[in-house]
């Protein structure tokens, strides 16, 4: 295992900067996920750590070595890509041991490493099959096994599940988490899927336009987003944001109606803000969370329903803005039906309308 440290790392393509002086410390054995929209610089950052992209400035350290000028093969990392990159003419056994064979390791050592990786990933019954005889999930496990046999200091995953269907993605998330528990190696994982980030990571690094916006545990970035971008990017469904103005200790919405001010905020009278509330914290009365000390109540017409089994996602209109709410223990709801909703104000957020910054104290 090894820690990974990035200091003022920059990447330019000609005159175009794509990664802006980022700093990141990843501890021994930590599972860190880089997440953000397409083009945010997350994959480029991963490739700079791997040595597949030259850095334009700053330093990358793996363990006790600055690796800026080291080729990928000398960094003791293993990378798993989204396209598996398996040799179709080789068996699973041969694919797993190929890198060790190229390194001219003794056959007994190769056989032992392959057997250990196959056992960890439940590939033992598949060792004599070719990749064309495997499912997508099995191929991805072989790609991970090929990385394991090298006993790297760091595993790098570049959107490894993006080619799988929804059910397989869920299964493979479990496989990857189990892999980390078994081998304990540092993992840096890139995805655009915030569900993958939340379910896998010890810490999440949220990127936007080549900058790191926020670093924290999944719970930290979900409950205390630093700005409106993080608030709407992390969480499913995304946080509702309603334009409002601070007025006399309350929030005046676009239609002139008011909502009591959520607690724990630093605001000034007349300030333009966005009022943020997650669907989990706005629910119809009688089908909701227990009341808290800070509750607001609004009536909204329902425009659409999305049944999800034990709960229903409701789309409704508040002050001209569509919001999403959740109904627990659901019942049928007609389009246009007006329901009275409770809002847990102590779970709500305010963001500056100009900068997007959180106004939580």
Protein backbone atom coordinates (compact mmCIF):
# COMPACT_ATOMS: atom_id res chain seq x y z
CA UNK A 1 0.00 0.00 0.00
CA UNK A 2 1.04 3.62 -0.46
CA UNK A 3 -0.27 7.10 0.05
CA UNK A 4 -0.72 9.38 -2.96
CA UNK A 5 -0.07 13.12 -2.76
CA UNK A 6 -0.80 15.72 -5.45
CA UNK A 7 0.68 19.19 -5.01
CA UNK A 8 -0.35 22.07 -7.30
CA UNK A 9 -0.88 19.64 -10.17
CA UNK A 10 -1.66 21.38 -13.46
CA UNK A 11 -2.52 20.03 -16.89
CA UNK A 12 -2.59 22.18 -20.01
CA UNK A 13 -3.32 21.13 -23.57
CA UNK A 14 -1.43 23.84 -25.39
CA UNK A 15 -2.80 27.12 -24.08
CA UNK A 16 -5.94 25.42 -22.70
CA UNK A 17 -5.83 24.62 -18.96
CA UNK A 18 -7.88 21.54 -18.05
CA UNK A 19 -6.69 20.88 -14.48
CA UNK A 20 -5.96 23.87 -12.25
CA UNK A 21 -3.32 23.48 -9.51
CA UNK A 22 -5.13 20.79 -7.54
CA UNK A 23 -3.96 19.50 -4.16
CA UNK A 24 -5.02 16.14 -2.79
CA UNK A 25 -3.79 13.78 -0.06
CA UNK A 26 -4.88 10.13 -0.21
CA UNK A 27 -3.94 7.93 2.74
CA UNK A 28 -2.65 4.35 2.77
CA UNK A 29 -5.50 1.95 2.04
CA UNK A 30 -8.07 4.68 1.42
CA UNK A 31 -10.82 4.37 -1.19
CA UNK A 32 -11.14 7.78 -2.85
CA UNK A 33 -13.58 8.52 -5.67
CA UNK A 34 -13.12 11.40 -8.12
CA UNK A 35 -16.54 12.42 -9.37
CA UNK A 36 -17.92 15.19 -11.52
CA UNK A 37 -19.62 15.91 -14.84
CA UNK A 38 -18.02 15.05 -18.16
CA UNK A 39 -15.04 17.25 -18.94
CA UNK A 40 -14.35 18.21 -15.32
CA UNK A 41 -10.77 16.81 -15.37
CA UNK A 42 -11.26 13.69 -13.24
CA UNK A 43 -10.00 11.16 -15.80
CA UNK A 44 -7.13 13.45 -16.77
CA UNK A 45 -6.13 13.62 -13.10
CA UNK A 46 -6.22 9.83 -12.84
CA UNK A 47 -4.12 9.48 -15.98
CA UNK A 48 -1.53 11.89 -14.59
CA UNK A 49 -1.27 9.75 -11.45
CA UNK A 50 -0.86 6.69 -13.68
CA UNK A 51 1.76 8.36 -15.88
CA UNK A 52 -0.39 8.09 -19.00
CA UNK A 53 -0.54 11.91 -19.19
CA UNK A 54 2.44 14.17 -18.53
CA UNK A 55 1.75 16.83 -15.92
CA UNK A 56 2.25 20.48 -16.89
CA UNK A 57 3.17 21.58 -13.37
CA UNK A 58 3.29 20.46 -9.75
CA UNK A 59 4.24 17.09 -8.30
CA UNK A 60 2.72 13.62 -7.96
CA UNK A 61 4.05 11.43 -5.16
CA UNK A 62 3.25 7.73 -4.67
CA UNK A 63 4.62 6.39 -1.40
CA UNK A 64 8.01 8.00 -0.79
CA UNK A 65 8.75 8.70 -4.48
CA UNK A 66 7.98 11.71 -6.67
CA UNK A 67 6.88 9.97 -9.88
CA UNK A 68 6.57 12.92 -12.29
CA UNK A 69 9.23 11.51 -14.63
CA UNK A 70 8.62 7.78 -14.08
CA UNK A 71 6.89 5.74 -16.81
CA UNK A 72 3.70 3.90 -15.80
CA UNK A 73 5.43 0.52 -15.47
CA UNK A 74 7.77 1.91 -12.79
CA UNK A 75 5.06 3.44 -10.58
CA UNK A 76 3.79 0.10 -9.18
CA UNK A 77 0.19 0.93 -10.00
CA UNK A 78 -2.49 -1.14 -11.71
CA UNK A 79 -5.25 0.42 -13.79
CA UNK A 80 -8.68 -1.00 -14.63
CA UNK A 81 -10.45 0.55 -17.62
CA UNK A 82 -14.09 0.55 -18.68
CA UNK A 83 -13.42 -1.58 -21.78
CA UNK A 84 -11.76 -4.50 -19.90
CA UNK A 85 -8.84 -4.70 -22.43
CA UNK A 86 -8.68 -8.50 -22.24
CA UNK A 87 -6.86 -10.63 -24.82
CA UNK A 88 -9.67 -12.53 -26.59
CA UNK A 89 -7.46 -15.46 -27.69
CA UNK A 90 -6.21 -16.12 -24.14
CA UNK A 91 -7.97 -17.99 -21.36
CA UNK A 92 -8.90 -16.28 -18.12
CA UNK A 93 -5.86 -17.95 -16.54
CA UNK A 94 -3.56 -16.60 -19.26
CA UNK A 95 -5.07 -13.11 -19.07
CA UNK A 96 -4.60 -13.00 -15.30
CA UNK A 97 -0.97 -14.05 -15.46
CA UNK A 98 0.07 -12.19 -18.61
CA UNK A 99 1.82 -9.23 -16.94
CA UNK A 100 3.80 -11.58 -14.70
CA UNK A 101 4.72 -13.72 -17.71
CA UNK A 102 6.01 -10.64 -19.55
CA UNK A 103 8.02 -9.77 -16.44
CA UNK A 104 9.57 -13.27 -16.67
CA UNK A 105 8.42 -14.31 -13.20
CA UNK A 106 8.83 -18.00 -12.29
CA UNK A 107 5.90 -20.21 -13.33
CA UNK A 108 5.24 -21.27 -9.73
CA UNK A 109 4.96 -17.62 -8.68
CA UNK A 110 2.60 -16.87 -11.57
CA UNK A 111 0.40 -19.89 -10.79
CA UNK A 112 0.19 -18.89 -7.13
CA UNK A 113 -0.69 -15.26 -7.89
CA UNK A 114 -3.33 -16.28 -10.43
CA UNK A 115 -4.89 -18.78 -8.02
CA UNK A 116 -5.04 -16.16 -5.24
CA UNK A 117 -6.64 -13.52 -7.49
CA UNK A 118 -9.14 -16.04 -8.88
CA UNK A 119 -10.11 -17.07 -5.35
CA UNK A 120 -10.63 -13.46 -4.23
CA UNK A 121 -12.86 -12.70 -7.22
CA UNK A 122 -14.65 -16.09 -7.49
CA UNK A 123 -13.08 -16.76 -10.89
CA UNK A 124 -11.65 -20.22 -10.16
CA UNK A 125 -14.36 -22.13 -12.12
CA UNK A 126 -13.80 -19.81 -15.11
CA UNK A 127 -10.02 -20.03 -15.44
CA UNK A 128 -10.08 -22.09 -18.65
CA UNK A 129 -12.71 -20.02 -20.45
CA UNK A 130 -12.02 -17.34 -23.07
CA UNK A 131 -13.32 -13.76 -22.59
CA UNK A 132 -15.96 -14.34 -25.29
CA UNK A 133 -17.54 -17.00 -23.07
CA UNK A 134 -17.95 -14.60 -20.12
CA UNK A 135 -20.62 -12.11 -19.10
CA UNK A 136 -19.79 -8.41 -18.81
CA UNK A 137 -19.51 -8.66 -15.03
CA UNK A 138 -17.22 -11.68 -15.27
CA UNK A 139 -14.98 -9.88 -17.76
CA UNK A 140 -14.71 -6.92 -15.41
CA UNK A 141 -13.72 -9.27 -12.59
CA UNK A 142 -10.99 -10.70 -14.80
CA UNK A 143 -9.76 -7.16 -15.50
CA UNK A 144 -9.62 -6.55 -11.74
CA UNK A 145 -7.89 -9.87 -11.18
CA UNK A 146 -5.23 -8.97 -13.71
CA UNK A 147 -4.57 -5.86 -11.65
CA UNK A 148 -4.47 -7.80 -8.36
CA UNK A 149 -1.77 -10.28 -9.42
CA UNK A 150 0.80 -7.49 -9.64
CA UNK A 151 0.33 -6.55 -5.96
CA UNK A 152 0.38 -2.84 -6.79
CA UNK A 153 0.72 0.01 -4.31
CA UNK A 154 -2.33 1.71 -5.84
CA UNK A 155 -5.34 0.56 -7.87
CA UNK A 156 -6.68 3.08 -10.40
CA UNK A 157 -10.21 2.57 -11.78
CA UNK A 158 -11.37 4.67 -14.74
CA UNK A 159 -15.18 4.42 -14.99
CA UNK A 160 -15.01 0.61 -14.89
CA UNK A 161 -18.78 0.04 -14.72
CA UNK A 162 -20.01 2.39 -17.42
CA UNK A 163 -20.42 -0.41 -20.00
CA UNK A 164 -22.58 -2.58 -17.72
CA UNK A 165 -26.36 -2.59 -17.34
CA UNK A 166 -27.97 -1.27 -14.16
CA UNK A 167 -28.24 -4.65 -12.41
CA UNK A 168 -24.62 -5.58 -13.18
CA UNK A 169 -23.40 -2.16 -12.04
CA UNK A 170 -25.03 -2.76 -8.67
CA UNK A 171 -23.46 -6.22 -8.40
CA UNK A 172 -20.03 -4.95 -9.41
CA UNK A 173 -20.13 -2.12 -6.88
CA UNK A 174 -20.46 -4.81 -4.22
CA UNK A 175 -17.60 -6.80 -5.80
CA UNK A 176 -15.30 -3.77 -5.83
CA UNK A 177 -16.11 -2.90 -2.23
CA UNK A 178 -15.42 -6.49 -1.16
CA UNK A 179 -12.16 -6.43 -3.12
CA UNK A 180 -11.04 -3.36 -1.20
CA UNK A 181 -11.94 -4.98 2.12
CA UNK A 182 -9.94 -8.10 1.22
CA UNK A 183 -6.77 -6.55 -0.24
CA UNK A 184 -6.71 -3.20 1.62
CA UNK A 185 -4.84 -1.45 -1.20
CA UNK A 186 -5.22 2.26 -1.91
CA UNK A 187 -7.90 2.77 -4.57
CA UNK A 188 -8.50 5.88 -6.68
CA UNK A 189 -11.72 5.52 -8.66
CA UNK A 190 -13.15 7.82 -11.32
CA UNK A 191 -16.84 7.99 -12.17
CA UNK A 192 -19.47 10.46 -13.32
CA UNK A 193 -22.11 8.47 -11.39
CA UNK A 194 -22.68 10.01 -7.97
CA UNK A 195 -24.44 6.85 -6.74
CA UNK A 196 -21.21 4.90 -7.33
CA UNK A 197 -19.30 7.63 -5.52
CA UNK A 198 -21.55 7.64 -2.46
CA UNK A 199 -21.75 3.86 -2.12
CA UNK A 200 -18.05 3.08 -2.66
CA UNK A 201 -15.95 5.92 -1.28
CA UNK A 202 -14.27 6.53 2.04
CA UNK A 203 -13.95 10.08 0.72
CA UNK A 204 -15.34 11.79 -2.36
CA UNK A 205 -13.45 14.39 -4.40
CA UNK A 206 -15.95 16.48 -6.37
CA UNK A 207 -14.50 18.21 -9.43
CA UNK A 208 -15.81 20.88 -11.76
CA UNK A 209 -14.06 22.65 -14.63
CA UNK A 210 -10.65 21.32 -13.60
CA UNK A 211 -10.98 22.43 -9.96
CA UNK A 212 -11.61 20.44 -6.79
CA UNK A 213 -14.84 21.86 -5.37
CA UNK A 214 -15.22 19.76 -2.20
CA UNK A 215 -13.57 16.81 -0.47
CA UNK A 216 -15.33 14.84 2.25
CA UNK A 217 -16.97 11.62 3.32
CA UNK A 218 -20.17 10.70 1.46
CA UNK A 219 -22.23 11.85 4.45
CA UNK A 220 -20.36 15.16 4.70
CA UNK A 221 -20.82 16.14 1.07
CA UNK A 222 -24.46 15.01 1.13
CA UNK A 223 -25.43 16.83 4.33
CA UNK A 224 -23.13 19.87 4.10
CA UNK A 225 -22.53 20.74 0.43
CA UNK A 226 -20.25 23.77 0.10
CA UNK A 227 -22.22 25.22 -2.80
CA UNK A 228 -25.29 24.78 -4.99
CA UNK A 229 -23.37 22.75 -7.58
CA UNK A 230 -22.43 20.06 -5.05
CA UNK A 231 -25.95 20.15 -3.58
CA UNK A 232 -27.55 19.36 -6.94
CA UNK A 233 -24.84 16.95 -8.13
CA UNK A 234 -24.70 14.70 -5.04
CA UNK A 235 -27.93 12.96 -4.09
CA UNK A 236 -30.71 11.30 -6.04
CA UNK A 237 -33.03 12.93 -6.83
CA UNK A 238 -31.03 16.19 -6.85
CA UNK A 239 -31.73 18.84 -4.24
CA UNK A 240 -34.60 21.20 -5.05
CA UNK A 241 -33.50 24.84 -5.38
CA UNK A 242 -36.03 27.68 -5.22
CA UNK A 243 -35.15 31.36 -5.76
CA UNK A 244 -36.00 33.48 -2.71
CA UNK A 245 -35.16 36.71 -0.92
CA UNK A 246 -34.39 37.12 2.78
CA UNK A 247 -37.11 39.37 4.18
CA UNK A 248 -37.67 40.11 7.86
CA UNK A 249 -36.34 36.83 9.16
CA UNK A 250 -38.20 34.73 6.58
CA UNK A 251 -37.78 33.69 2.97
CA UNK A 252 -39.98 35.38 0.36
CA UNK A 253 -40.48 33.09 -2.63
CA UNK A 254 -41.03 34.17 -6.24
CA UNK A 255 -44.84 34.33 -5.87
CA UNK A 256 -44.65 36.46 -2.70
CA UNK A 257 -45.40 33.61 -0.28
CA UNK A 258 -43.05 33.12 2.66
CA UNK A 259 -41.32 30.24 4.42
CA UNK A 260 -39.76 30.53 7.90
CA UNK A 261 -35.99 30.91 7.91
CA UNK A 262 -34.09 27.62 8.40
CA UNK A 263 -31.88 27.63 11.50
CA UNK A 264 -28.06 27.93 11.52
CA UNK A 265 -27.61 30.32 8.59
CA UNK A 266 -25.68 33.55 8.05
CA UNK A 267 -27.81 35.90 5.93
CA UNK A 268 -28.69 39.56 5.61
CA UNK A 269 -32.06 41.17 4.93
CA UNK A 270 -32.70 41.62 1.23
CA UNK A 271 -30.14 38.99 0.20
CA UNK A 272 -31.02 36.96 -2.93
CA UNK A 273 -30.65 33.24 -2.21
CA UNK A 274 -31.59 29.79 -3.37
CA UNK A 275 -33.58 27.75 -0.86
CA UNK A 276 -32.46 24.12 -1.00
CA UNK A 277 -34.46 21.15 0.23
CA UNK A 278 -34.03 17.47 -0.61
CA UNK A 279 -36.99 15.28 -1.56
CA UNK A 280 -36.39 13.28 1.64
CA UNK A 281 -37.15 16.41 3.69
CA UNK A 282 -40.35 17.55 2.00
CA UNK A 283 -43.18 15.06 2.36
CA UNK A 284 -46.98 15.11 2.38
CA UNK A 285 -48.53 15.14 5.83
CA UNK A 286 -49.49 11.68 7.00
CA UNK A 287 -46.91 10.07 4.71
CA UNK A 288 -43.75 11.62 6.05
CA UNK A 289 -41.00 11.80 8.62
CA UNK A 290 -41.89 12.66 12.24
CA UNK A 291 -42.28 16.42 12.87
CA UNK A 292 -39.16 18.27 14.03
CA UNK A 293 -38.81 21.46 16.07
CA UNK A 294 -38.42 23.45 12.85
CA UNK A 295 -41.20 22.67 10.40
CA UNK A 296 -42.84 24.64 7.61
CA UNK A 297 -46.06 23.72 5.84
CA UNK A 298 -47.01 24.40 2.22
CA UNK A 299 -49.76 23.31 -0.13
CA UNK A 300 -48.74 22.19 -3.61
CA UNK A 301 -50.53 20.69 -6.62
CA UNK A 302 -49.02 17.38 -7.76
CA UNK A 303 -48.07 17.34 -11.45
CA UNK A 304 -46.54 13.84 -11.76
CA UNK A 305 -45.99 10.72 -9.69
CA UNK A 306 -43.26 8.10 -9.94
CA UNK A 307 -44.09 4.98 -7.87
CA UNK A 308 -40.97 3.27 -6.47
CA UNK A 309 -42.55 0.50 -4.42
CA UNK A 310 -42.24 1.41 -0.73
CA UNK A 311 -42.25 5.12 -1.61
CA UNK A 312 -43.49 7.40 -4.37
CA UNK A 313 -41.60 10.33 -5.84
CA UNK A 314 -43.97 13.27 -6.24
CA UNK A 315 -43.44 16.19 -8.63
CA UNK A 316 -45.25 19.31 -7.47
CA UNK A 317 -45.19 23.08 -8.01
CA UNK A 318 -44.15 25.61 -5.39
CA UNK A 319 -43.98 29.33 -6.23
CA UNK A 320 -43.69 28.53 -9.93
CA UNK A 321 -40.82 26.06 -9.49
CA UNK A 322 -41.13 22.29 -9.89
CA UNK A 323 -39.95 20.43 -6.80
CA UNK A 324 -39.60 16.75 -6.00
CA UNK A 325 -40.90 15.26 -2.76
CA UNK A 326 -41.25 11.76 -1.33
CA UNK A 327 -44.35 9.98 -0.06
CA UNK A 328 -43.71 7.12 2.35
CA UNK A 329 -46.35 4.38 2.70
CA UNK A 330 -47.78 5.70 -0.55
CA UNK A 331 -51.32 5.87 -1.81
CA UNK A 332 -52.58 6.72 -5.31
CA UNK A 333 -52.35 10.46 -6.07
CA UNK A 334 -54.23 12.16 -8.89
CA UNK A 335 -52.53 14.66 -11.20
CA UNK A 336 -53.55 18.13 -10.02
CA UNK A 337 -54.40 16.94 -6.50
CA UNK A 338 -53.35 19.52 -3.90
CA UNK A 339 -51.51 18.08 -0.91
CA UNK A 340 -50.26 19.71 2.27
CA UNK A 341 -46.54 19.10 2.69
CA UNK A 342 -44.25 19.40 5.69
CA UNK A 343 -40.71 20.74 5.21
CA UNK A 344 -38.02 19.87 7.76
CA UNK A 345 -36.34 23.28 7.94
CA UNK A 346 -33.41 22.07 10.02
CA UNK A 347 -32.42 19.89 7.04
CA UNK A 348 -32.68 22.71 4.50
CA UNK A 349 -29.97 24.86 2.96
CA UNK A 350 -29.50 28.37 1.62
CA UNK A 351 -27.04 29.29 -1.13
CA UNK A 352 -26.01 32.75 -2.24
CA UNK A 353 -27.80 33.46 -5.53
CA UNK A 354 -24.70 35.09 -7.06
CA UNK A 355 -21.81 32.90 -5.93
CA UNK A 356 -23.68 29.67 -5.16
CA UNK A 357 -21.81 29.39 -1.84
CA UNK A 358 -23.51 27.74 1.13
CA UNK A 359 -24.74 30.16 3.78
CA UNK A 360 -24.63 27.62 6.61
CA UNK A 361 -22.66 28.85 9.63
